[in-house]
Amino acid sequence: AVRSNRLMDLTELMSLELTQATPQEQALLYYLESFSFAFYLIKENGFFKVKQLLAEVGKESVFSEAFENVFGRQLEEVAERWREDMLARWRK
């Protein structure tokens, strides 16, 4: 997906609802990108911060607010850094 420039935008990724009608390729991309973003968060911030995020999500109604409370940065900023990291590692 990186090499063919088919990465989903993080907001698209978060709003996608997987159903039985979801094409298999799109569902696979959804899971792989979700894993990649979670791995990036752990790599850059440590598992404890991600654990804090999960606890905060339980308290907040809006994911982006919970994210900013834990990481001190906007979700879009971190998502852009993740995307740049993916492109740097996989586009060769």
C-alpha atoms as a PDB file:
ATOM      1  CA  ALA A   1       0.000   0.000   0.000  1.00  0.00           C
ATOM      2  CA  VAL A   2       2.887   2.343   0.748  1.00  0.00           C
ATOM      3  CA  ARG A   3       4.653   1.724  -2.526  1.00  0.00           C
ATOM      4  CA  SER A   4       1.468   2.130  -4.544  1.00  0.00           C
ATOM      5  CA  ASN A   5       0.347   5.184  -2.535  1.00  0.00           C
ATOM      6  CA  ARG A   6      -2.853   3.482  -1.353  1.00  0.00           C
ATOM      7  CA  LEU A   7      -2.519   4.178   2.367  1.00  0.00           C
ATOM      8  CA  MET A   8      -5.767   5.228   3.969  1.00  0.00           C
ATOM      9  CA  ASP A   9      -5.870   8.541   5.764  1.00  0.00           C
ATOM     10  CA  LEU A  10      -6.101   7.968   9.515  1.00  0.00           C
ATOM     11  CA  THR A  11      -9.508   9.658   9.747  1.00  0.00           C
ATOM     12  CA  GLU A  12     -10.759   7.366   6.983  1.00  0.00           C
ATOM     13  CA  LEU A  13      -9.261   4.403   8.797  1.00  0.00           C
ATOM     14  CA  MET A  14     -10.987   5.337  12.048  1.00  0.00           C
ATOM     15  CA  SER A  15     -14.381   5.879  10.442  1.00  0.00           C
ATOM     16  CA  LEU A  16     -14.406   2.687   8.375  1.00  0.00           C
ATOM     17  CA  GLU A  17     -16.921   0.125   9.522  1.00  0.00           C
ATOM     18  CA  LEU A  18     -16.026  -3.384   8.525  1.00  0.00           C
ATOM     19  CA  THR A  19     -18.930  -5.580   7.532  1.00  0.00           C
ATOM     20  CA  GLN A  20     -19.330  -8.815   5.644  1.00  0.00           C
ATOM     21  CA  ALA A  21     -19.688  -6.686   2.507  1.00  0.00           C
ATOM     22  CA  THR A  22     -16.252  -5.067   2.974  1.00  0.00           C
ATOM     23  CA  PRO A  23     -13.909  -6.207   0.231  1.00  0.00           C
ATOM     24  CA  GLN A  24     -11.226  -8.541   1.610  1.00  0.00           C
ATOM     25  CA  GLU A  25      -8.365  -6.366   0.351  1.00  0.00           C
ATOM     26  CA  GLN A  26      -9.784  -3.271   2.078  1.00  0.00           C
ATOM     27  CA  ALA A  27     -10.329  -5.182   5.334  1.00  0.00           C
ATOM     28  CA  LEU A  28      -6.742  -6.485   5.232  1.00  0.00           C
ATOM     29  CA  LEU A  29      -5.405  -2.989   4.616  1.00  0.00           C
ATOM     30  CA  TYR A  30      -7.504  -1.701   7.525  1.00  0.00           C
ATOM     31  CA  TYR A  31      -6.028  -4.233   9.938  1.00  0.00           C
ATOM     32  CA  LEU A  32      -2.465  -3.837   8.705  1.00  0.00           C
ATOM     33  CA  GLU A  33      -2.561  -0.044   8.930  1.00  0.00           C
ATOM     34  CA  SER A  34      -4.203  -0.176  12.357  1.00  0.00           C
ATOM     35  CA  PHE A  35      -1.478  -2.524  13.580  1.00  0.00           C
ATOM     36  CA  SER A  36       1.195  -0.316  12.040  1.00  0.00           C
ATOM     37  CA  PHE A  37      -0.123   2.804  13.761  1.00  0.00           C
ATOM     38  CA  ALA A  38      -0.385   1.035  17.127  1.00  0.00           C
ATOM     39  CA  PHE A  39       3.156  -0.325  16.713  1.00  0.00           C
ATOM     40  CA  TYR A  40       4.394   3.174  15.833  1.00  0.00           C
ATOM     41  CA  LEU A  41       2.778   4.629  18.961  1.00  0.00           C
ATOM     42  CA  ILE A  42       4.422   1.964  21.143  1.00  0.00           C
ATOM     43  CA  LYS A  43       7.797   2.394  19.426  1.00  0.00           C
ATOM     44  CA  GLU A  44       7.783   6.175  19.801  1.00  0.00           C
ATOM     45  CA  ASN A  45       6.077   6.539  23.196  1.00  0.00           C
ATOM     46  CA  GLY A  46       6.258   3.211  25.013  1.00  0.00           C
ATOM     47  CA  PHE A  47       3.558   0.715  25.871  1.00  0.00           C
ATOM     48  CA  PHE A  48       2.563   2.548  29.052  1.00  0.00           C
ATOM     49  CA  LYS A  49       1.409   5.613  27.070  1.00  0.00           C
ATOM     50  CA  VAL A  50      -0.713   3.436  24.792  1.00  0.00           C
ATOM     51  CA  LYS A  51      -2.181   1.772  27.867  1.00  0.00           C
ATOM     52  CA  GLN A  52      -2.967   5.247  29.239  1.00  0.00           C
ATOM     53  CA  LEU A  53      -4.663   6.091  25.937  1.00  0.00           C
ATOM     54  CA  LEU A  54      -6.911   3.048  26.197  1.00  0.00           C
ATOM     55  CA  ALA A  55      -7.902   4.025  29.745  1.00  0.00           C
ATOM     56  CA  GLU A  56      -8.534   7.633  28.652  1.00  0.00           C
ATOM     57  CA  VAL A  57     -10.661   6.503  25.709  1.00  0.00           C
ATOM     58  CA  GLY A  58     -12.954   4.857  28.243  1.00  0.00           C
ATOM     59  CA  LYS A  59     -13.465   8.251  29.920  1.00  0.00           C
ATOM     60  CA  GLU A  60     -13.631  10.548  26.875  1.00  0.00           C
ATOM     61  CA  SER A  61     -16.352  10.546  24.261  1.00  0.00           C
ATOM     62  CA  VAL A  62     -14.018  11.767  21.506  1.00  0.00           C
ATOM     63  CA  PHE A  63     -10.935   9.726  20.613  1.00  0.00           C
ATOM     64  CA  SER A  64      -8.953  12.717  19.368  1.00  0.00           C
ATOM     65  CA  GLU A  65      -9.416  14.495  22.724  1.00  0.00           C
ATOM     66  CA  ALA A  66      -8.301  11.418  24.660  1.00  0.00           C
ATOM     67  CA  PHE A  67      -5.296  11.121  22.349  1.00  0.00           C
ATOM     68  CA  GLU A  68      -4.259  14.722  22.892  1.00  0.00           C
ATOM     69  CA  ASN A  69      -4.689  14.399  26.670  1.00  0.00           C
ATOM     70  CA  VAL A  70      -2.301  11.438  26.787  1.00  0.00           C
ATOM     71  CA  PHE A  71       0.279  12.314  24.135  1.00  0.00           C
ATOM     72  CA  GLY A  72       0.152  16.105  24.357  1.00  0.00           C
ATOM     73  CA  ARG A  73      -0.057  16.324  20.562  1.00  0.00           C
ATOM     74  CA  GLN A  74      -2.890  16.326  18.098  1.00  0.00           C
ATOM     75  CA  LEU A  75      -3.795  13.030  16.496  1.00  0.00           C
ATOM     76  CA  GLU A  76      -3.372  14.492  12.999  1.00  0.00           C
ATOM     77  CA  GLU A  77       0.216  15.563  13.769  1.00  0.00           C
ATOM     78  CA  VAL A  78       1.185  12.109  15.034  1.00  0.00           C
ATOM     79  CA  ALA A  79      -0.621  10.457  12.131  1.00  0.00           C
ATOM     80  CA  GLU A  80       1.399  12.548   9.682  1.00  0.00           C
ATOM     81  CA  ARG A  81       4.649  11.549  11.385  1.00  0.00           C
ATOM     82  CA  TRP A  82       3.576   7.893  11.246  1.00  0.00           C
ATOM     83  CA  ARG A  83       2.798   8.241   7.548  1.00  0.00           C
ATOM     84  CA  GLU A  84       6.194   9.849   6.884  1.00  0.00           C
ATOM     85  CA  ASP A  85       7.875   7.050   8.824  1.00  0.00           C
ATOM     86  CA  MET A  86       6.027   4.437   6.754  1.00  0.00           C
ATOM     87  CA  LEU A  87       6.973   6.128   3.499  1.00  0.00           C
ATOM     88  CA  ALA A  88      10.629   6.431   4.532  1.00  0.00           C
ATOM     89  CA  ARG A  89      10.852   2.753   5.478  1.00  0.00           C
ATOM     90  CA  TRP A  90       8.864   1.137   2.690  1.00  0.00           C
ATOM     91  CA  ARG A  91       9.209   3.306  -0.417  1.00  0.00           C
ATOM     92  CA  LYS A  92      12.431   2.172  -1.959  1.00  0.00           C
END
